Amino acid sequence: AAARRDPRARETLYGSRFARDPPDATARYAAWANALPANRLALERFREVTLVQPTWFYHKDVWRRAGGFDGATCDDLRFFLRHCARGGLLRRVDESLVTYRQVPGSLSFSTSRRDLVRARVEAFAADVLDGAWRGRKIHVWGAGRDGRCFVNELDAAGRGGRVEALYDVDAAKLGTYHNGATGLTLPVFDVRAVATPFVVCVSLRDPAVAAFVEATAARLGAVEGVGYWHFN
């Protein structure tokens, strides 16, 4: 019904809210995805898939334009990100239409975190670094696990030179980050020195952290999705 009423249905990947079975499976992700406002479905796409795959429905034109599933690891995530990169729209039906079961041994259950991050970094590089941020050095907010993982995957893809520096609130992390295995070395500055364009690689579960990011963006005149993106 949602697609029949939508004049842009041939450009739209639809999903819905969902329940989990068992109810506590990936509880944090389910709560986040089910509560995302419509205007954040695309803005938060590099953090996670904002429309969970078992709820998807779309016109065959959407499938063709995004190139279908490629058979690689995380091909549903790759399809989702290609759809967004090619100007595709996202829409969620705000009813719980699917019960999504977690089954030990399933492909989604066994996919490694590194494979998921690598797929997201590759899409970010193609969509953003080679797009609106082409030729610009980027600043990475977060020198912890997520920030280091992001810059290391960029480096593995030959994009390490695009990173100007890491930034953090923790004084113990300031100075220099060095990856002994690859040789990647980056300065780590106080986060109050961050500049645009920047990528946020810290958890936003703490409302104070989210508010600090928003205040910093406002101070810098940075618009989300233009001057900065959330990644982790």
Protein backbone atom coordinates (compact mmCIF):
# COMPACT_ATOMS: atom_id res chain seq x y z
CA ALA A 1 0.00 0.00 0.00
CA ALA A 2 2.84 2.40 0.81
CA ALA A 3 4.41 1.83 -2.60
CA ARG A 4 1.14 2.15 -4.50
CA ARG A 5 0.59 5.63 -3.06
CA ASP A 6 4.17 6.79 -3.64
CA PRO A 7 4.96 8.55 -6.96
CA ARG A 8 8.66 7.77 -6.42
CA ALA A 9 8.19 4.09 -5.66
CA ARG A 10 10.57 3.03 -8.45
CA GLU A 11 13.38 4.91 -6.68
CA THR A 12 12.60 3.80 -3.13
CA LEU A 13 13.79 0.96 -0.94
CA TYR A 14 11.07 0.34 1.64
CA GLY A 15 11.33 -1.36 4.99
CA SER A 16 9.31 -1.54 8.18
CA ARG A 17 9.65 -1.74 11.89
CA PHE A 18 10.26 -5.26 13.20
CA ALA A 19 10.20 -7.50 16.25
CA ARG A 20 12.99 -9.86 17.28
CA ASP A 21 12.80 -13.51 18.16
CA PRO A 22 14.05 -14.01 20.82
CA PRO A 23 12.98 -10.55 22.01
CA ASP A 24 16.39 -9.68 23.45
CA ALA A 25 18.33 -10.49 20.26
CA THR A 26 20.35 -7.45 19.12
CA ALA A 27 18.12 -5.39 21.41
CA ARG A 28 20.18 -2.20 21.09
CA TYR A 29 20.21 -2.31 17.28
CA ALA A 30 16.49 -3.13 17.09
CA ALA A 31 15.58 -0.24 19.37
CA TRP A 32 17.78 2.15 17.37
CA ALA A 33 16.50 1.08 13.94
CA ASN A 34 12.85 1.05 14.97
CA ALA A 35 13.08 4.53 16.49
CA LEU A 36 15.06 6.34 13.78
CA PRO A 37 13.19 9.38 12.43
CA ALA A 38 12.54 9.29 8.69
CA ASN A 39 15.00 12.10 8.01
CA ARG A 40 17.85 10.07 9.54
CA LEU A 41 17.47 6.88 7.51
CA ALA A 42 20.00 8.10 4.94
CA LEU A 43 22.11 10.25 7.26
CA GLU A 44 23.00 7.31 9.50
CA ARG A 45 23.57 4.76 6.75
CA PHE A 46 27.31 4.47 7.41
CA ARG A 47 26.65 3.48 11.04
CA GLU A 48 24.40 0.49 10.31
CA VAL A 49 21.76 -0.61 7.81
CA THR A 50 18.91 1.68 8.84
CA LEU A 51 16.22 -0.53 7.27
CA VAL A 52 16.74 -4.12 8.34
CA GLN A 53 17.03 -6.41 5.31
CA PRO A 54 14.23 -8.94 6.09
CA THR A 55 11.72 -6.07 5.92
CA TRP A 56 12.78 -4.79 2.48
CA PHE A 57 10.48 -4.47 -0.49
CA TYR A 58 11.19 -2.53 -3.68
CA HIS A 59 10.51 -2.25 -7.40
CA LYS A 60 12.77 -4.23 -9.73
CA ASP A 61 14.15 -0.89 -11.01
CA VAL A 62 15.71 -0.36 -7.57
CA TRP A 63 17.38 -3.76 -7.84
CA ARG A 64 18.74 -3.03 -11.30
CA ARG A 65 20.06 0.45 -10.50
CA ALA A 66 21.90 -0.78 -7.39
CA GLY A 67 23.38 -3.73 -9.28
CA GLY A 68 21.65 -6.48 -7.34
CA PHE A 69 23.43 -8.62 -4.77
CA ASP A 70 27.05 -9.19 -5.76
CA GLY A 71 27.61 -12.46 -3.88
CA ALA A 72 30.39 -10.95 -1.76
CA THR A 73 30.41 -10.93 2.03
CA CYS A 74 27.80 -8.48 3.40
CA ASP A 75 26.17 -8.20 -0.03
CA ASP A 76 22.91 -6.92 1.49
CA LEU A 77 24.84 -4.09 3.19
CA ARG A 78 26.72 -3.35 -0.03
CA PHE A 79 23.45 -3.29 -1.99
CA PHE A 80 21.90 -0.90 0.54
CA LEU A 81 24.86 1.49 0.39
CA ARG A 82 25.02 1.39 -3.42
CA HIS A 83 21.31 2.18 -3.57
CA CYS A 84 21.87 5.26 -1.37
CA ALA A 85 25.00 6.35 -3.25
CA ARG A 86 23.11 6.28 -6.56
CA GLY A 87 20.44 8.62 -5.27
CA GLY A 88 17.98 5.97 -4.13
CA LEU A 89 15.42 6.88 -1.48
CA LEU A 90 14.65 5.14 1.81
CA ARG A 91 11.26 4.87 3.48
CA ARG A 92 10.13 2.95 6.56
CA VAL A 93 6.56 1.83 7.18
CA ASP A 94 6.07 2.60 10.84
CA GLU A 95 4.36 -0.66 11.69
CA SER A 96 6.01 -3.86 12.88
CA LEU A 97 5.41 -6.14 9.89
CA VAL A 98 8.17 -8.72 10.36
CA THR A 99 9.46 -10.93 13.15
CA TYR A 100 13.18 -11.27 12.57
CA ARG A 101 14.54 -14.50 14.05
CA GLN A 102 18.11 -14.86 15.23
CA VAL A 103 19.36 -18.33 14.34
CA PRO A 104 22.83 -19.43 15.48
CA GLY A 105 24.97 -20.35 12.47
CA SER A 106 23.15 -18.07 10.03
CA LEU A 107 25.24 -15.94 7.67
CA SER A 108 24.28 -12.67 9.37
CA PHE A 109 25.09 -14.20 12.77
CA SER A 110 28.59 -15.26 11.64
CA THR A 111 29.66 -12.21 9.60
CA SER A 112 32.67 -10.60 11.24
CA ARG A 113 32.71 -7.03 12.51
CA ARG A 114 35.77 -6.36 10.37
CA ASP A 115 33.97 -7.43 7.18
CA LEU A 116 31.07 -5.10 8.04
CA VAL A 117 33.39 -2.17 8.75
CA ARG A 118 35.37 -2.80 5.56
CA ALA A 119 32.21 -2.77 3.45
CA ARG A 120 31.09 0.50 5.06
CA VAL A 121 34.52 2.11 4.65
CA GLU A 122 34.64 1.12 0.98
CA ALA A 123 31.22 2.67 0.42
CA PHE A 124 32.15 5.81 2.37
CA ALA A 125 35.32 6.23 0.32
CA ALA A 126 33.49 5.85 -2.98
CA ASP A 127 30.45 7.92 -2.02
CA VAL A 128 31.97 10.71 0.11
CA LEU A 129 35.76 10.82 -0.27
CA ASP A 130 35.51 10.53 -4.05
CA GLY A 131 32.41 12.70 -4.10
CA ALA A 132 31.77 15.92 -2.20
CA TRP A 133 35.01 15.62 -0.20
CA ARG A 134 37.24 14.85 -3.18
CA GLY A 135 40.73 16.26 -2.70
CA ARG A 136 40.14 17.25 0.93
CA LYS A 137 41.88 15.96 4.05
CA ILE A 138 39.47 14.57 6.63
CA HIS A 139 39.48 14.73 10.43
CA VAL A 140 38.44 11.70 12.49
CA TRP A 141 36.68 12.25 15.82
CA GLY A 142 37.63 9.33 18.03
CA ALA A 143 41.05 7.76 18.68
CA GLY A 144 39.58 4.69 20.36
CA ARG A 145 38.75 1.34 18.79
CA ASP A 146 36.24 2.65 16.25
CA GLY A 147 38.33 5.58 15.05
CA ARG A 148 41.45 3.42 14.72
CA CYS A 149 39.50 0.74 12.87
CA PHE A 150 38.12 3.36 10.46
CA VAL A 151 41.54 4.85 9.61
CA ASN A 152 43.19 1.44 9.36
CA GLU A 153 40.58 0.24 6.86
CA LEU A 154 40.99 3.46 4.89
CA ASP A 155 44.74 2.85 4.89
CA ALA A 156 44.24 -0.75 3.74
CA ALA A 157 42.21 0.62 0.84
CA GLY A 158 45.01 3.03 -0.09
CA ARG A 159 43.26 6.06 1.43
CA GLY A 160 45.29 6.55 4.60
CA GLY A 161 46.81 9.71 3.19
CA ARG A 162 43.40 11.36 3.18
CA VAL A 163 43.33 11.51 7.00
CA GLU A 164 44.74 14.66 8.56
CA ALA A 165 44.51 13.58 12.20
CA LEU A 166 42.57 11.82 14.93
CA TYR A 167 40.86 13.77 17.74
CA ASP A 168 39.76 12.65 21.20
CA VAL A 169 38.48 13.89 24.55
CA ASP A 170 40.73 11.47 26.46
CA ALA A 171 44.04 13.14 27.32
CA ALA A 172 45.68 9.70 27.57
CA LYS A 173 45.14 9.15 23.84
CA LEU A 174 46.60 12.46 22.67
CA GLY A 175 49.96 12.56 20.90
CA THR A 176 50.53 10.02 18.15
CA TYR A 177 48.74 6.92 16.91
CA HIS A 178 51.04 4.38 15.25
CA ASN A 179 50.07 1.06 13.71
CA GLY A 180 53.18 -1.08 14.02
CA ALA A 181 51.94 -3.63 11.51
CA THR A 182 51.29 -1.18 8.66
CA GLY A 183 53.32 1.88 9.57
CA LEU A 184 50.31 4.19 9.57
CA THR A 185 51.11 7.12 11.85
CA LEU A 186 48.74 9.97 12.67
CA PRO A 187 48.73 12.82 15.18
CA VAL A 188 46.04 12.76 17.86
CA PHE A 189 44.74 16.15 19.01
CA ASP A 190 42.24 17.36 21.55
CA VAL A 191 38.78 17.11 20.03
CA ARG A 192 38.22 20.83 20.52
CA ALA A 193 40.67 21.33 17.64
CA VAL A 194 38.66 19.24 15.17
CA ALA A 195 37.97 20.85 11.80
CA THR A 196 35.73 20.14 8.84
CA PRO A 197 35.13 17.85 7.14
CA PHE A 198 35.05 15.36 9.97
CA VAL A 199 33.86 11.81 10.62
CA VAL A 200 32.43 10.90 14.03
CA CYS A 201 33.68 7.50 15.21
CA VAL A 202 32.44 7.53 18.82
CA SER A 203 29.36 6.07 20.45
CA LEU A 204 26.37 8.40 20.71
CA ARG A 205 24.56 6.41 23.39
CA ASP A 206 25.48 9.04 25.97
CA PRO A 207 23.21 12.07 25.32
CA ALA A 208 25.99 14.36 26.55
CA VAL A 209 28.32 13.08 23.82
CA ALA A 210 25.66 13.52 21.14
CA ALA A 211 24.99 17.05 22.38
CA PHE A 212 28.72 17.86 22.32
CA VAL A 213 29.00 16.65 18.72
CA GLU A 214 26.01 18.77 17.71
CA ALA A 215 27.40 21.83 19.53
CA THR A 216 30.78 21.41 17.85
CA ALA A 217 29.17 21.06 14.44
CA ALA A 218 27.14 24.21 15.07
CA ARG A 219 30.27 26.11 16.13
CA LEU A 220 32.02 25.05 12.93
CA GLY A 221 28.97 25.72 10.76
CA ALA A 222 28.98 22.07 9.68
CA VAL A 223 25.80 20.46 8.36
CA GLU A 224 25.43 16.71 8.88
CA GLY A 225 25.75 14.85 5.60
CA VAL A 226 27.70 17.76 4.12
CA GLY A 227 30.43 18.85 6.55
CA TYR A 228 30.42 15.74 8.75
CA TRP A 229 29.14 12.17 8.91
CA HIS A 230 28.57 9.65 11.66
CA PHE A 231 30.32 6.36 11.03
CA ASN A 232 30.43 4.00 14.00
